[in-house]
């Protein structure tokens, strides 16, 4: 009897201990959930405050970005942010198991992108400003929620990059490749064809691979959709990168095939089909079919998704996890100083770039008239009043322009200068709005680089061959920035940024010279080189502004 009583007592005692343990675990889980919820609530409020600061400080850049979304090539930008927000929302259950902890590791990257934005502002490079702003948003999220949470949000955060309207610099290369591929395929199809720059001539007519036909809109849309598709369907990085590369290569090849198909269809039908707006409709239909085929192949290459059970089983709170969550609640109570320090550093970093720009350039924006002197030339070259060629570049944002003609025996050269004052905040020396020739009169038949020497400086100039109904010209173009010559757009922008940092009083200029390209052996470049040997160009440009 005594033994049975002892056994019953032990059994009751074990049940009581189990009940106490269960209640203790339940209380611990509830405390852990409360601590995590508090951390997420505070992190969300801090993140909203940071993003609001970014919007207020960089509002002009946001306006410029949205204005680019209104163009056909970057219209997908309007859906990037909603899609990223949805991807974050779809991960809410997984995020609830993680603990957001601010990391100071994000601050150096934030400072780097703020400096990049300042560089873009100093050189009037809109795409650099827009990219750095999006990068600052991504880094801000990383800094607030920490590395572990940011890794779980890698796909929606990385997808924000497609909100940047980038890629206009690829348009000339895309045009050239599409024209080349179309001509090769027409030649294989036994269609007589002639390629002059970006103009394709067949017996039935003449076609131009214009900027709208470069395929940039197809490329940007394909990359955005392909990136999202690869991130959702594949798990291995090899397959993700492979599909993303396919999303870039396929639309480029497809656009060349599209150009070929339009020219061939028009040639066969006697320009009855694929003329006017029809070729745009056929192009979009063809692009849609190609993308459906690409995603069909990509779906066949898919991987089996990971089961959520395994993921949740790993993340289910155990005794050690509950202790960490409990410590997180204590950390939440005692981290006021750390949060204040982080907020202060964040504000200083993101505010430093706009403040630095205002300090560096206190001069008001505006075009100040500058009187340019025609460069002197030594014999046998002399200035003439004859307008030898009906050619004139367009640099509408310049402070002053100069155009003049020079002759030497039977040769003639036309010179164009577009000068930009050093105090211009909206310096558009390197910009897509500038044009080397009137595209309604002239068309480009080729381009390359050639090495020259001018006033002791060795550099390259951009050599462009253009033609009109009456003349053929060879045009050399380059930049002069703070006493340096270059034909590279990026080097010119870096020189502009350096000149502004050191507060140089010298301006910048776009320079172009042109001469007739007669039939027969190519001697026009020799005439242009001889002209540069006899002209005092830098003396005319070296103006110290008050």
Protein backbone atom coordinates (compact mmCIF):
# COMPACT_ATOMS: atom_id res chain seq x y z
CA UNK A 1 0.00 0.00 0.00
CA UNK A 2 2.80 2.37 0.87
CA UNK A 3 4.59 1.51 -2.37
CA UNK A 4 1.49 2.30 -4.45
CA UNK A 5 1.11 5.65 -2.69
CA UNK A 6 4.74 6.51 -3.46
CA UNK A 7 4.28 5.65 -7.15
CA UNK A 8 1.13 7.77 -7.38
CA UNK A 9 2.90 10.66 -5.66
CA UNK A 10 5.78 10.53 -8.13
CA UNK A 11 3.38 10.36 -11.06
CA UNK A 12 1.44 13.41 -9.85
CA UNK A 13 4.69 15.21 -9.26
CA UNK A 14 5.85 14.51 -12.86
CA UNK A 15 2.53 15.72 -14.25
CA UNK A 16 2.79 18.93 -12.22
CA UNK A 17 6.36 19.45 -13.43
CA UNK A 18 5.23 18.91 -17.02
CA UNK A 19 2.40 21.41 -16.60
CA UNK A 20 4.79 23.97 -15.10
CA UNK A 21 7.28 23.38 -17.92
CA UNK A 22 4.57 23.78 -20.55
CA UNK A 23 3.38 27.01 -18.96
CA UNK A 24 6.98 28.21 -18.74
CA UNK A 25 7.61 27.42 -22.42
CA UNK A 26 4.35 29.11 -23.37
CA UNK A 27 5.29 32.20 -21.38
CA UNK A 28 8.75 32.20 -22.96
CA UNK A 29 7.30 31.84 -26.44
CA UNK A 30 4.86 34.66 -25.73
CA UNK A 31 7.69 36.85 -24.44
CA UNK A 32 9.77 35.99 -27.50
CA UNK A 33 6.89 36.85 -29.82
CA UNK A 34 6.34 40.13 -27.96
CA UNK A 35 10.03 41.03 -28.16
CA UNK A 36 10.23 40.23 -31.89
CA UNK A 37 7.05 42.17 -32.61
CA UNK A 38 8.43 45.16 -30.73
CA UNK A 39 11.67 44.97 -32.67
CA UNK A 40 9.82 44.82 -35.99
CA UNK A 41 7.51 47.67 -35.02
CA UNK A 42 10.39 49.93 -34.01
CA UNK A 43 12.45 48.93 -37.05
CA UNK A 44 9.52 49.68 -39.33
CA UNK A 45 9.03 53.14 -37.84
CA UNK A 46 12.74 53.92 -38.08
CA UNK A 47 12.90 52.68 -41.67
CA UNK A 48 9.90 54.80 -42.68
CA UNK A 49 11.57 57.83 -41.11
CA UNK A 50 14.82 57.15 -42.98
CA UNK A 51 13.06 56.68 -46.32
CA UNK A 52 11.13 59.89 -45.76
CA UNK A 53 14.42 61.73 -45.21
CA UNK A 54 15.81 60.28 -48.43
CA UNK A 55 12.71 61.40 -50.34
CA UNK A 56 12.92 64.94 -48.95
CA UNK A 57 16.66 65.35 -49.47
CA UNK A 58 16.77 63.81 -52.93
CA UNK A 59 13.38 64.85 -54.27
CA UNK A 60 14.71 66.34 -57.57
CA UNK A 61 16.38 63.02 -58.37
CA UNK A 62 13.11 61.17 -57.71
CA UNK A 63 11.24 63.53 -60.01
CA UNK A 64 13.82 62.99 -62.75
CA UNK A 65 13.55 59.21 -62.33
CA UNK A 66 9.77 59.19 -62.60
CA UNK A 67 9.92 61.40 -65.69
CA UNK A 68 12.11 58.76 -67.36
CA UNK A 69 9.53 56.10 -66.53
CA UNK A 70 7.13 57.91 -68.86
CA UNK A 71 9.26 56.90 -71.85
CA UNK A 72 8.60 53.61 -73.60
CA UNK A 73 12.02 52.12 -72.83
CA UNK A 74 11.62 52.47 -69.05
CA UNK A 75 7.85 52.29 -68.52
CA UNK A 76 8.32 49.12 -66.46
CA UNK A 77 9.69 51.34 -63.69
CA UNK A 78 6.15 52.13 -62.54
CA UNK A 79 5.58 48.49 -61.46
CA UNK A 80 8.97 47.83 -59.88
CA UNK A 81 8.15 49.27 -56.44
CA UNK A 82 4.69 47.60 -56.17
CA UNK A 83 6.20 44.24 -57.17
CA UNK A 84 9.01 44.62 -54.63
CA UNK A 85 6.48 45.50 -51.93
CA UNK A 86 4.42 42.42 -52.78
CA UNK A 87 7.52 40.20 -52.62
CA UNK A 88 8.26 41.57 -49.15
CA UNK A 89 4.67 40.92 -48.05
CA UNK A 90 4.79 37.35 -49.38
CA UNK A 91 7.77 36.70 -47.07
CA UNK A 92 6.07 38.01 -43.93
CA UNK A 93 5.83 34.56 -42.25
CA UNK A 94 9.51 33.90 -42.78
CA UNK A 95 10.45 37.40 -41.61
CA UNK A 96 8.41 36.96 -38.41
CA UNK A 97 10.88 34.27 -37.33
CA UNK A 98 13.85 36.62 -37.74
CA UNK A 99 15.12 39.38 -35.50
CA UNK A 100 15.85 42.80 -37.07
CA UNK A 101 19.02 44.27 -35.59
CA UNK A 102 20.58 47.46 -37.02
CA UNK A 103 24.08 47.00 -38.43
CA UNK A 104 26.70 49.72 -38.66
CA UNK A 105 28.31 47.83 -41.56
CA UNK A 106 25.86 49.53 -43.91
CA UNK A 107 27.11 53.05 -43.16
CA UNK A 108 30.34 52.88 -45.27
CA UNK A 109 28.32 51.69 -48.28
CA UNK A 110 25.76 54.41 -47.65
CA UNK A 111 28.56 56.99 -47.65
CA UNK A 112 29.99 55.51 -50.86
CA UNK A 113 26.69 55.82 -52.73
CA UNK A 114 26.12 59.30 -51.34
CA UNK A 115 29.51 60.26 -52.76
CA UNK A 116 28.50 58.68 -56.07
CA UNK A 117 25.33 60.78 -56.09
CA UNK A 118 27.42 63.90 -55.45
CA UNK A 119 29.69 62.97 -58.34
CA UNK A 120 26.64 62.57 -60.58
CA UNK A 121 25.30 65.92 -59.43
CA UNK A 122 28.60 67.67 -60.10
CA UNK A 123 28.82 66.23 -63.61
CA UNK A 124 25.07 66.46 -64.40
CA UNK A 125 24.94 62.67 -64.86
CA UNK A 126 21.32 61.84 -64.10
CA UNK A 127 21.67 58.07 -64.37
CA UNK A 128 24.45 58.01 -61.76
CA UNK A 129 22.35 60.06 -59.35
CA UNK A 130 19.34 57.80 -59.87
CA UNK A 131 21.31 54.59 -59.40
CA UNK A 132 23.01 55.84 -56.24
CA UNK A 133 19.67 56.96 -54.79
CA UNK A 134 18.13 53.51 -55.31
CA UNK A 135 21.28 51.95 -53.87
CA UNK A 136 20.98 54.20 -50.79
CA UNK A 137 17.40 52.98 -50.30
CA UNK A 138 18.54 49.35 -50.46
CA UNK A 139 21.45 49.97 -48.09
CA UNK A 140 19.17 51.85 -45.69
CA UNK A 141 16.91 48.82 -45.43
CA UNK A 142 19.94 46.63 -44.82
CA UNK A 143 21.25 48.96 -42.13
CA UNK A 144 17.95 49.05 -40.22
CA UNK A 145 16.95 45.37 -40.35
CA UNK A 146 20.41 43.82 -40.33
CA UNK A 147 22.26 41.32 -42.50
CA UNK A 148 20.17 38.24 -41.69
CA UNK A 149 16.87 39.91 -42.58
CA UNK A 150 18.35 41.67 -45.59
CA UNK A 151 19.50 38.30 -46.93
CA UNK A 152 15.92 37.07 -46.73
CA UNK A 153 14.85 40.20 -48.65
CA UNK A 154 17.57 39.93 -51.27
CA UNK A 155 15.22 39.37 -54.22
CA UNK A 156 12.81 42.30 -53.61
CA UNK A 157 15.67 44.63 -52.68
CA UNK A 158 17.76 43.72 -55.72
CA UNK A 159 14.70 44.07 -57.97
CA UNK A 160 14.56 47.77 -57.06
CA UNK A 161 17.61 48.32 -59.28
CA UNK A 162 15.32 47.96 -62.30
CA UNK A 163 13.63 51.19 -61.24
CA UNK A 164 16.76 53.00 -62.47
CA UNK A 165 16.31 54.18 -66.09
CA UNK A 166 19.68 52.93 -67.26
CA UNK A 167 20.73 51.74 -70.69
CA UNK A 168 20.51 54.72 -73.05
CA UNK A 169 24.24 54.48 -73.64
CA UNK A 170 23.67 51.06 -75.23
CA UNK A 171 21.38 52.41 -77.94
CA UNK A 172 24.11 53.05 -80.59
CA UNK A 173 25.65 49.61 -80.05
CA UNK A 174 22.24 47.93 -80.21
CA UNK A 175 21.43 49.80 -83.42
CA UNK A 176 24.71 48.75 -85.02
CA UNK A 177 24.31 45.10 -84.01
CA UNK A 178 20.68 44.88 -85.17
CA UNK A 179 21.57 46.44 -88.53
CA UNK A 180 24.58 44.13 -88.97
CA UNK A 181 22.62 40.98 -88.09
CA UNK A 182 19.71 41.95 -90.34
CA UNK A 183 22.06 42.57 -93.28
CA UNK A 184 23.82 39.24 -92.76
CA UNK A 185 20.50 37.40 -92.75
CA UNK A 186 19.26 39.31 -95.80
CA UNK A 187 22.46 38.38 -97.60
CA UNK A 188 21.91 34.71 -96.69
CA UNK A 189 18.37 35.06 -98.04
CA UNK A 190 19.80 36.17 -101.43
CA UNK A 191 18.36 39.68 -101.11
CA UNK A 192 20.63 42.40 -102.57
CA UNK A 193 21.46 44.64 -99.62
CA UNK A 194 23.77 47.53 -98.77
CA UNK A 195 24.58 48.71 -95.24
CA UNK A 196 25.58 52.34 -94.72
CA UNK A 197 25.97 53.00 -91.03
CA UNK A 198 22.49 52.18 -89.72
CA UNK A 199 20.73 52.45 -93.09
CA UNK A 200 19.77 49.24 -94.90
CA UNK A 201 19.15 49.59 -98.63
CA UNK A 202 17.34 46.86 -100.60
CA UNK A 203 15.87 47.09 -104.12
CA UNK A 204 12.40 47.89 -102.75
CA UNK A 205 13.49 50.74 -100.49
CA UNK A 206 15.73 52.11 -97.76
CA UNK A 207 15.34 51.42 -94.05
CA UNK A 208 16.94 53.02 -90.99
CA UNK A 209 17.53 51.22 -87.71
CA UNK A 210 16.55 54.25 -85.65
CA UNK A 211 16.88 54.67 -81.90
CA UNK A 212 13.31 53.47 -81.39
CA UNK A 213 14.24 50.28 -83.26
CA UNK A 214 17.39 49.61 -81.22
CA UNK A 215 15.56 47.07 -79.05
CA UNK A 216 16.36 48.82 -75.77
CA UNK A 217 12.74 48.61 -74.61
CA UNK A 218 12.75 44.87 -75.29
CA UNK A 219 16.06 44.44 -73.47
CA UNK A 220 15.07 46.36 -70.33
CA UNK A 221 11.68 44.64 -70.09
CA UNK A 222 13.21 41.21 -70.67
CA UNK A 223 15.89 41.74 -68.03
CA UNK A 224 13.38 42.91 -65.43
CA UNK A 225 11.01 40.01 -66.02
CA UNK A 226 13.87 37.53 -66.36
CA UNK A 227 15.43 38.63 -63.08
CA UNK A 228 12.13 38.21 -61.27
CA UNK A 229 11.48 34.86 -62.93
CA UNK A 230 14.96 33.52 -62.10
CA UNK A 231 14.65 34.57 -58.47
CA UNK A 232 11.27 32.91 -58.01
CA UNK A 233 11.71 29.72 -60.04
CA UNK A 234 15.34 28.76 -59.43
CA UNK A 235 17.30 28.13 -56.25
CA UNK A 236 20.85 27.59 -57.54
CA UNK A 237 22.84 30.65 -58.56
CA UNK A 238 24.12 28.94 -61.70
CA UNK A 239 20.61 28.59 -63.08
CA UNK A 240 19.64 32.07 -62.01
CA UNK A 241 22.66 33.66 -63.69
CA UNK A 242 22.21 31.47 -66.76
CA UNK A 243 18.58 32.46 -67.23
CA UNK A 244 19.40 36.14 -66.64
CA UNK A 245 22.07 36.00 -69.35
CA UNK A 246 19.54 34.36 -71.66
CA UNK A 247 17.09 37.17 -70.84
CA UNK A 248 19.72 39.63 -72.09
CA UNK A 249 20.96 37.78 -75.17
CA UNK A 250 17.62 36.57 -76.52
CA UNK A 251 15.99 40.03 -76.96
CA UNK A 252 19.16 41.40 -78.60
CA UNK A 253 19.20 38.57 -81.13
CA UNK A 254 15.43 38.72 -81.50
CA UNK A 255 15.55 42.42 -82.35
CA UNK A 256 18.04 41.80 -85.14
CA UNK A 257 15.79 39.03 -86.46
CA UNK A 258 12.82 41.38 -86.13
CA UNK A 259 14.55 44.01 -88.27
CA UNK A 260 15.42 41.34 -90.81
CA UNK A 261 11.84 40.08 -90.91
CA UNK A 262 10.38 43.56 -91.37
CA UNK A 263 12.74 44.44 -94.24
CA UNK A 264 12.26 41.03 -95.87
CA UNK A 265 8.46 41.17 -95.55
CA UNK A 266 8.37 44.68 -97.00
CA UNK A 267 10.70 43.64 -99.84
CA UNK A 268 8.62 40.58 -100.76
CA UNK A 269 5.30 42.43 -100.57
CA UNK A 270 6.51 45.50 -102.42
CA UNK A 271 6.23 47.63 -99.25
CA UNK A 272 2.57 46.67 -98.86
CA UNK A 273 3.22 44.93 -95.53
CA UNK A 274 5.33 45.96 -92.53
CA UNK A 275 5.16 49.61 -93.54
CA UNK A 276 4.40 52.56 -91.30
CA UNK A 277 3.14 51.69 -87.84
CA UNK A 278 2.58 48.05 -88.82
CA UNK A 279 6.22 47.13 -88.30
CA UNK A 280 5.97 48.27 -84.67
CA UNK A 281 2.95 46.04 -84.09
CA UNK A 282 4.67 43.12 -85.78
CA UNK A 283 7.73 43.79 -83.65
CA UNK A 284 5.83 43.62 -80.37
CA UNK A 285 3.99 40.47 -81.49
CA UNK A 286 7.28 38.84 -82.43
CA UNK A 287 8.88 39.90 -79.15
CA UNK A 288 5.96 38.49 -77.14
CA UNK A 289 6.24 35.12 -78.89
CA UNK A 290 10.00 35.00 -78.32
CA UNK A 291 9.64 35.80 -74.61
CA UNK A 292 6.93 33.14 -74.19
CA UNK A 293 9.28 30.60 -75.73
CA UNK A 294 12.10 31.74 -73.44
CA UNK A 295 10.01 31.38 -70.30
CA UNK A 296 8.66 28.03 -71.48
CA UNK A 297 12.21 26.71 -71.80
CA UNK A 298 13.07 28.29 -68.46
CA UNK A 299 10.09 26.60 -66.79
CA UNK A 300 11.23 23.23 -68.13
CA UNK A 301 14.62 23.94 -66.49
CA UNK A 302 13.02 24.76 -63.12
CA UNK A 303 14.00 23.24 -59.78
CA UNK A 304 11.79 21.71 -57.14
CA UNK A 305 10.94 24.31 -54.48
CA UNK A 306 12.05 23.81 -50.90
CA UNK A 307 9.34 22.66 -48.54
CA UNK A 308 8.25 25.21 -46.01
CA UNK A 309 8.03 22.49 -43.35
CA UNK A 310 11.78 22.02 -43.28
CA UNK A 311 12.31 25.72 -43.16
CA UNK A 312 9.86 26.22 -40.33
CA UNK A 313 11.19 23.25 -38.44
CA UNK A 314 14.63 24.76 -38.37
CA UNK A 315 13.27 28.10 -37.28
CA UNK A 316 10.85 26.84 -34.60
CA UNK A 317 11.85 28.35 -31.25
CA UNK A 318 13.69 25.96 -28.94
CA UNK A 319 15.16 26.68 -25.54
CA UNK A 320 18.22 28.44 -26.98
CA UNK A 321 16.14 30.44 -29.46
CA UNK A 322 13.77 31.48 -26.70
CA UNK A 323 16.72 32.69 -24.66
CA UNK A 324 17.90 34.73 -27.67
CA UNK A 325 14.46 36.24 -28.15
CA UNK A 326 14.29 37.05 -24.45
CA UNK A 327 17.69 38.71 -24.75
CA UNK A 328 16.36 40.64 -27.74
CA UNK A 329 13.60 42.08 -25.57
CA UNK A 330 16.17 43.23 -23.04
CA UNK A 331 18.29 44.65 -25.83
CA UNK A 332 15.26 46.56 -27.07
CA UNK A 333 14.89 48.23 -23.70
CA UNK A 334 18.56 49.17 -23.35
CA UNK A 335 19.49 50.16 -26.92
CA UNK A 336 18.23 53.75 -26.94
CA UNK A 337 21.74 55.21 -27.13
CA UNK A 338 22.76 52.86 -29.92
CA UNK A 339 19.66 53.67 -31.96
CA UNK A 340 20.20 57.40 -31.45
CA UNK A 341 23.82 57.10 -32.55
CA UNK A 342 22.87 55.12 -35.63
CA UNK A 343 20.15 57.63 -36.55
CA UNK A 344 22.59 60.52 -36.14
CA UNK A 345 25.22 58.88 -38.35
CA UNK A 346 22.61 57.98 -40.93
CA UNK A 347 21.34 61.55 -41.10
CA UNK A 348 24.87 62.93 -41.41
CA UNK A 349 25.79 60.51 -44.19
CA UNK A 350 22.73 61.05 -46.38
CA UNK A 351 22.67 64.78 -45.75
CA UNK A 352 26.37 65.28 -46.45
CA UNK A 353 26.08 64.92 -50.24
CA UNK A 354 23.36 67.57 -50.85
CA UNK A 355 25.04 69.90 -48.34
CA UNK A 356 28.44 69.43 -49.99
CA UNK A 357 26.98 70.26 -53.38
CA UNK A 358 25.51 73.49 -52.06
CA UNK A 359 28.82 74.41 -50.45
CA UNK A 360 30.90 73.57 -53.53
CA UNK A 361 28.57 75.38 -55.92
CA UNK A 362 27.12 78.44 -54.35
CA UNK A 363 26.94 80.24 -57.69
CA UNK A 364 23.45 80.47 -59.17
CA UNK A 365 22.66 78.36 -62.18
CA UNK A 366 22.13 80.23 -65.40
CA UNK A 367 23.72 80.85 -68.73
CA UNK A 368 26.26 83.65 -68.63
CA UNK A 369 27.25 85.00 -72.08
CA UNK A 370 30.85 84.36 -73.05
CA UNK A 371 32.55 85.96 -76.02
CA UNK A 372 34.62 83.36 -77.83
CA UNK A 373 37.48 84.39 -80.05
CA UNK A 374 37.96 82.53 -83.30
CA UNK A 375 41.13 80.40 -83.01
CA UNK A 376 44.03 81.69 -85.04
CA UNK A 377 45.59 79.48 -87.71
CA UNK A 378 49.06 79.70 -89.19
CA UNK A 379 49.78 79.63 -92.90
CA UNK A 380 48.82 78.12 -95.23
CA UNK A 381 45.49 77.97 -93.37
CA UNK A 382 43.44 81.16 -93.09
CA UNK A 383 39.98 82.14 -91.83
CA UNK A 384 37.34 82.59 -94.50
CA UNK A 385 33.85 84.04 -94.42
CA UNK A 386 32.50 81.33 -96.71
CA UNK A 387 30.13 78.82 -95.11
CA UNK A 388 31.80 75.91 -96.84
CA UNK A 389 29.49 73.14 -95.60
CA UNK A 390 25.83 73.11 -94.60
CA UNK A 391 26.75 71.32 -91.38
CA UNK A 392 26.19 72.56 -87.85
CA UNK A 393 26.11 70.59 -84.56
CA UNK A 394 23.55 71.33 -81.86
CA UNK A 395 24.56 71.82 -78.20
CA UNK A 396 21.52 73.77 -76.93
CA UNK A 397 22.62 74.15 -73.29
CA UNK A 398 25.99 75.77 -74.02
CA UNK A 399 26.85 79.29 -72.88
CA UNK A 400 28.28 80.31 -76.21
CA UNK A 401 28.85 78.86 -79.67
CA UNK A 402 31.38 79.63 -82.36
CA UNK A 403 31.41 78.33 -85.90
CA UNK A 404 33.90 79.29 -88.57
CA UNK A 405 35.55 78.09 -91.76
CA UNK A 406 39.21 77.78 -92.72
CA UNK A 407 40.80 77.25 -96.11
CA UNK A 408 44.17 76.09 -97.37
CA UNK A 409 44.61 75.97 -101.14
CA UNK A 410 41.87 73.63 -102.38
CA UNK A 411 41.04 72.25 -98.90
CA UNK A 412 38.44 73.59 -96.43
CA UNK A 413 37.65 72.78 -92.79
CA UNK A 414 34.71 73.91 -90.71
CA UNK A 415 35.19 74.38 -86.94
CA UNK A 416 32.51 74.29 -84.24
CA UNK A 417 32.96 75.20 -80.55
CA UNK A 418 30.32 74.95 -77.80
CA UNK A 419 31.56 76.57 -74.58
CA UNK A 420 30.26 75.84 -71.08
CA UNK A 421 31.01 78.17 -68.17
CA UNK A 422 32.61 76.72 -65.06
CA UNK A 423 29.80 77.83 -62.74
CA UNK A 424 27.05 75.90 -64.50
CA UNK A 425 25.21 73.52 -62.16
CA UNK A 426 23.34 71.99 -65.10
CA UNK A 427 26.38 71.50 -67.30
CA UNK A 428 25.24 69.41 -70.28
CA UNK A 429 28.60 69.05 -71.98
CA UNK A 430 28.01 65.28 -72.21
CA UNK A 431 24.32 64.69 -72.82
CA UNK A 432 21.92 62.86 -75.10
CA UNK A 433 20.35 66.19 -76.08
CA UNK A 434 23.53 67.17 -77.91
CA UNK A 435 23.75 66.26 -81.56
CA UNK A 436 26.76 66.27 -83.84
CA UNK A 437 24.63 66.72 -86.97
CA UNK A 438 21.05 67.32 -88.06
CA UNK A 439 19.55 63.86 -88.48
CA UNK A 440 16.90 65.14 -90.87
CA UNK A 441 19.61 66.19 -93.34
CA UNK A 442 22.58 63.94 -92.61
CA UNK A 443 22.91 60.26 -91.88
CA UNK A 444 25.82 58.46 -90.29
CA UNK A 445 27.67 55.94 -92.46
CA UNK A 446 30.39 54.92 -90.02
CA UNK A 447 32.46 55.88 -87.00
CA UNK A 448 35.72 55.03 -85.30
CA UNK A 449 38.48 56.52 -83.15
CA UNK A 450 41.73 57.98 -84.41
CA UNK A 451 44.82 59.21 -82.56
CA UNK A 452 45.89 62.86 -82.90
CA UNK A 453 48.25 65.35 -81.30
CA UNK A 454 47.16 68.90 -80.55
CA UNK A 455 49.26 71.53 -78.78
CA UNK A 456 51.49 68.93 -77.17
CA UNK A 457 48.66 66.63 -76.00
CA UNK A 458 48.22 63.16 -77.53
CA UNK A 459 44.66 61.85 -77.38
CA UNK A 460 41.92 60.23 -79.44
CA UNK A 461 39.14 61.95 -81.37
CA UNK A 462 35.83 60.42 -82.42
CA UNK A 463 35.72 60.15 -86.21
CA UNK A 464 32.24 60.10 -87.75
CA UNK A 465 31.39 59.71 -91.42
CA UNK A 466 28.16 61.45 -92.43
CA UNK A 467 26.39 61.93 -95.72
CA UNK A 468 23.61 64.09 -97.10
CA UNK A 469 21.96 64.26 -100.50
CA UNK A 470 24.76 66.56 -101.67
CA UNK A 471 27.90 65.98 -99.61
CA UNK A 472 29.92 63.48 -97.64
CA UNK A 473 31.86 64.72 -94.60
CA UNK A 474 34.34 63.41 -92.08
CA UNK A 475 33.75 64.89 -88.62
CA UNK A 476 36.20 64.80 -85.72
CA UNK A 477 34.76 65.54 -82.28
CA UNK A 478 36.19 65.69 -78.76
CA UNK A 479 35.98 67.60 -75.47
CA UNK A 480 38.15 70.15 -73.74
CA UNK A 481 37.75 70.15 -69.94
CA UNK A 482 39.94 72.21 -67.62
CA UNK A 483 42.80 72.26 -70.10
CA UNK A 484 42.60 68.54 -71.04
CA UNK A 485 41.50 67.00 -74.36
CA UNK A 486 39.55 63.73 -74.53
CA UNK A 487 36.88 62.09 -76.66
CA UNK A 488 35.69 59.77 -73.88
CA UNK A 489 32.38 60.75 -72.30
CA UNK A 490 33.24 59.22 -68.92
CA UNK A 491 36.69 60.77 -68.74
CA UNK A 492 35.15 64.14 -69.60
CA UNK A 493 32.68 63.78 -66.73
CA UNK A 494 35.45 62.84 -64.29
CA UNK A 495 37.46 65.86 -65.40
CA UNK A 496 34.38 68.03 -64.84
CA UNK A 497 33.94 66.62 -61.34
CA UNK A 498 37.59 67.22 -60.47
CA UNK A 499 37.44 70.77 -61.81
CA UNK A 500 34.40 71.51 -59.67
CA UNK A 501 35.92 70.02 -56.54
CA UNK A 502 39.01 72.22 -56.88
CA UNK A 503 36.84 75.20 -57.92
CA UNK A 504 38.60 75.65 -61.24
CA UNK A 505 37.65 78.84 -63.06
CA UNK A 506 38.25 77.32 -66.48
CA UNK A 507 35.23 76.12 -68.39
CA UNK A 508 34.70 73.24 -70.78
CA UNK A 509 33.94 72.90 -74.46
CA UNK A 510 32.73 70.49 -77.10
CA UNK A 511 34.82 70.74 -80.26
CA UNK A 512 34.16 69.44 -83.75
CA UNK A 513 35.85 69.93 -87.11
CA UNK A 514 34.65 68.69 -90.49
CA UNK A 515 35.95 68.41 -94.01
CA UNK A 516 34.66 66.92 -97.23
CA UNK A 517 35.23 63.21 -97.80
CA UNK A 518 35.86 62.98 -101.56
CA UNK A 519 35.54 59.72 -103.50
CA UNK A 520 38.62 57.58 -103.87
CA UNK A 521 41.44 57.12 -101.34
CA UNK A 522 40.59 58.34 -97.86
CA UNK A 523 42.60 61.55 -97.47
CA UNK A 524 40.16 63.61 -95.38
CA UNK A 525 41.76 62.58 -92.05
CA UNK A 526 45.11 63.78 -93.36
CA UNK A 527 43.62 67.21 -94.07
CA UNK A 528 42.16 67.38 -90.58
CA UNK A 529 45.46 66.41 -88.96
CA UNK A 530 47.25 69.08 -90.96
CA UNK A 531 44.66 71.63 -89.85
CA UNK A 532 45.18 70.77 -86.16
CA UNK A 533 48.93 71.29 -86.61
CA UNK A 534 48.31 74.92 -87.60
CA UNK A 535 45.61 76.07 -85.18
CA UNK A 536 45.95 77.69 -81.73
CA UNK A 537 42.84 76.22 -80.15
CA UNK A 538 43.54 76.20 -76.41
CA UNK A 539 44.45 79.89 -76.38
CA UNK A 540 40.95 80.71 -77.58
CA UNK A 541 39.34 78.48 -74.91
CA UNK A 542 41.44 79.37 -71.85
CA UNK A 543 39.15 82.05 -70.44
CA UNK A 544 39.31 82.86 -66.76
CA UNK A 545 35.79 83.75 -65.67
CA UNK A 546 35.03 86.32 -63.03
